Amino acid sequence: MFTTLLVIGGVLVGLVALLALIVSLSARPATRGSAPTAGSPGWVAATGRAHPDAWSEPVPTSEIPAAR
């Protein structure tokens, strides 16, 4: 009986530790600025831009190529 409780407790502790590891690895890194710096890779988009209005004309962008 005591062994069963130890096994169940160990499994629960292991699952909590695994959950903590997954959460810590999937957390977003802290942002330092609103625009990419000179050392940033080219695929990093500028953050802090306003979301486009659904009823306005589409603005051409080079971030997402048009599907033709």
C-alpha atoms as a PDB file:
ATOM      1  CA  MET A   1       0.000   0.000   0.000  1.00  0.00           C
ATOM      2  CA  PHE A   2       2.800   2.392   0.913  1.00  0.00           C
ATOM      3  CA  THR A   3       4.648   1.493  -2.292  1.00  0.00           C
ATOM      4  CA  THR A   4       1.538   2.220  -4.356  1.00  0.00           C
ATOM      5  CA  LEU A   5       1.228   5.669  -2.785  1.00  0.00           C
ATOM      6  CA  LEU A   6       4.904   6.347  -3.464  1.00  0.00           C
ATOM      7  CA  VAL A   7       4.504   5.364  -7.115  1.00  0.00           C
ATOM      8  CA  ILE A   8       1.383   7.509  -7.549  1.00  0.00           C
ATOM      9  CA  GLY A   9       3.081  10.447  -5.810  1.00  0.00           C
ATOM     10  CA  GLY A  10       6.182  10.060  -7.968  1.00  0.00           C
ATOM     11  CA  VAL A  11       4.115   9.992 -11.132  1.00  0.00           C
ATOM     12  CA  LEU A  12       2.219  13.116 -10.073  1.00  0.00           C
ATOM     13  CA  VAL A  13       5.428  14.965  -9.205  1.00  0.00           C
ATOM     14  CA  GLY A  14       6.914  13.922 -12.549  1.00  0.00           C
ATOM     15  CA  LEU A  15       3.866  15.147 -14.447  1.00  0.00           C
ATOM     16  CA  VAL A  16       3.928  18.502 -12.650  1.00  0.00           C
ATOM     17  CA  ALA A  17       7.659  18.863 -13.402  1.00  0.00           C
ATOM     18  CA  LEU A  18       7.043  18.001 -17.062  1.00  0.00           C
ATOM     19  CA  LEU A  19       4.223  20.545 -17.242  1.00  0.00           C
ATOM     20  CA  ALA A  20       6.467  23.214 -15.690  1.00  0.00           C
ATOM     21  CA  LEU A  21       9.191  22.428 -18.232  1.00  0.00           C
ATOM     22  CA  ILE A  22       6.769  22.653 -21.156  1.00  0.00           C
ATOM     23  CA  VAL A  23       5.343  25.951 -19.922  1.00  0.00           C
ATOM     24  CA  SER A  24       8.777  27.467 -19.368  1.00  0.00           C
ATOM     25  CA  LEU A  25      10.021  26.414 -22.807  1.00  0.00           C
ATOM     26  CA  SER A  26       6.916  27.649 -24.610  1.00  0.00           C
ATOM     27  CA  ALA A  27       6.814  31.075 -22.966  1.00  0.00           C
ATOM     28  CA  ARG A  28       7.263  34.055 -25.235  1.00  0.00           C
ATOM     29  CA  PRO A  29      10.539  35.899 -24.804  1.00  0.00           C
ATOM     30  CA  ALA A  30      10.384  39.395 -23.404  1.00  0.00           C
ATOM     31  CA  THR A  31      10.259  42.059 -26.089  1.00  0.00           C
ATOM     32  CA  ARG A  32      12.821  44.815 -25.835  1.00  0.00           C
ATOM     33  CA  GLY A  33      11.499  47.200 -28.462  1.00  0.00           C
ATOM     34  CA  SER A  34       8.664  47.726 -30.880  1.00  0.00           C
ATOM     35  CA  ALA A  35      10.747  47.413 -34.046  1.00  0.00           C
ATOM     36  CA  PRO A  36      13.360  44.891 -35.101  1.00  0.00           C
ATOM     37  CA  THR A  37      16.917  45.972 -34.482  1.00  0.00           C
ATOM     38  CA  ALA A  38      19.782  45.849 -36.932  1.00  0.00           C
ATOM     39  CA  GLY A  39      20.865  42.498 -35.485  1.00  0.00           C
ATOM     40  CA  SER A  40      17.439  40.910 -35.920  1.00  0.00           C
ATOM     41  CA  PRO A  41      16.872  38.333 -38.642  1.00  0.00           C
ATOM     42  CA  GLY A  42      15.006  39.487 -41.726  1.00  0.00           C
ATOM     43  CA  TRP A  43      11.927  37.404 -40.948  1.00  0.00           C
ATOM     44  CA  VAL A  44      11.200  39.280 -37.710  1.00  0.00           C
ATOM     45  CA  ALA A  45       8.209  41.538 -38.300  1.00  0.00           C
ATOM     46  CA  ALA A  46       7.774  44.911 -36.660  1.00  0.00           C
ATOM     47  CA  THR A  47       5.508  44.644 -33.646  1.00  0.00           C
ATOM     48  CA  GLY A  48       3.075  47.223 -32.391  1.00  0.00           C
ATOM     49  CA  ARG A  49       1.431  47.909 -35.727  1.00  0.00           C
ATOM     50  CA  ALA A  50      -2.299  48.550 -35.750  1.00  0.00           C
ATOM     51  CA  HIS A  51      -4.496  45.752 -36.993  1.00  0.00           C
ATOM     52  CA  PRO A  52      -5.853  46.548 -40.471  1.00  0.00           C
ATOM     53  CA  ASP A  53      -9.472  47.588 -40.740  1.00  0.00           C
ATOM     54  CA  ALA A  54     -11.627  44.885 -42.337  1.00  0.00           C
ATOM     55  CA  TRP A  55     -13.436  47.404 -44.536  1.00  0.00           C
ATOM     56  CA  SER A  56     -10.428  49.356 -45.782  1.00  0.00           C
ATOM     57  CA  GLU A  57      -8.592  48.698 -49.028  1.00  0.00           C
ATOM     58  CA  PRO A  58      -5.897  46.028 -48.717  1.00  0.00           C
ATOM     59  CA  VAL A  59      -2.383  47.390 -48.380  1.00  0.00           C
ATOM     60  CA  PRO A  60       0.254  45.554 -50.409  1.00  0.00           C
ATOM     61  CA  THR A  61       2.946  44.042 -48.252  1.00  0.00           C
ATOM     62  CA  SER A  62       6.063  42.033 -48.861  1.00  0.00           C
ATOM     63  CA  GLU A  63       5.614  39.939 -45.709  1.00  0.00           C
ATOM     64  CA  ILE A  64       3.065  37.555 -47.220  1.00  0.00           C
ATOM     65  CA  PRO A  65       3.349  36.835 -50.929  1.00  0.00           C
ATOM     66  CA  ALA A  66       0.100  36.779 -52.893  1.00  0.00           C
ATOM     67  CA  ALA A  67      -1.196  33.359 -53.889  1.00  0.00           C
ATOM     68  CA  ARG A  68      -1.821  33.235 -57.634  1.00  0.00           C
END
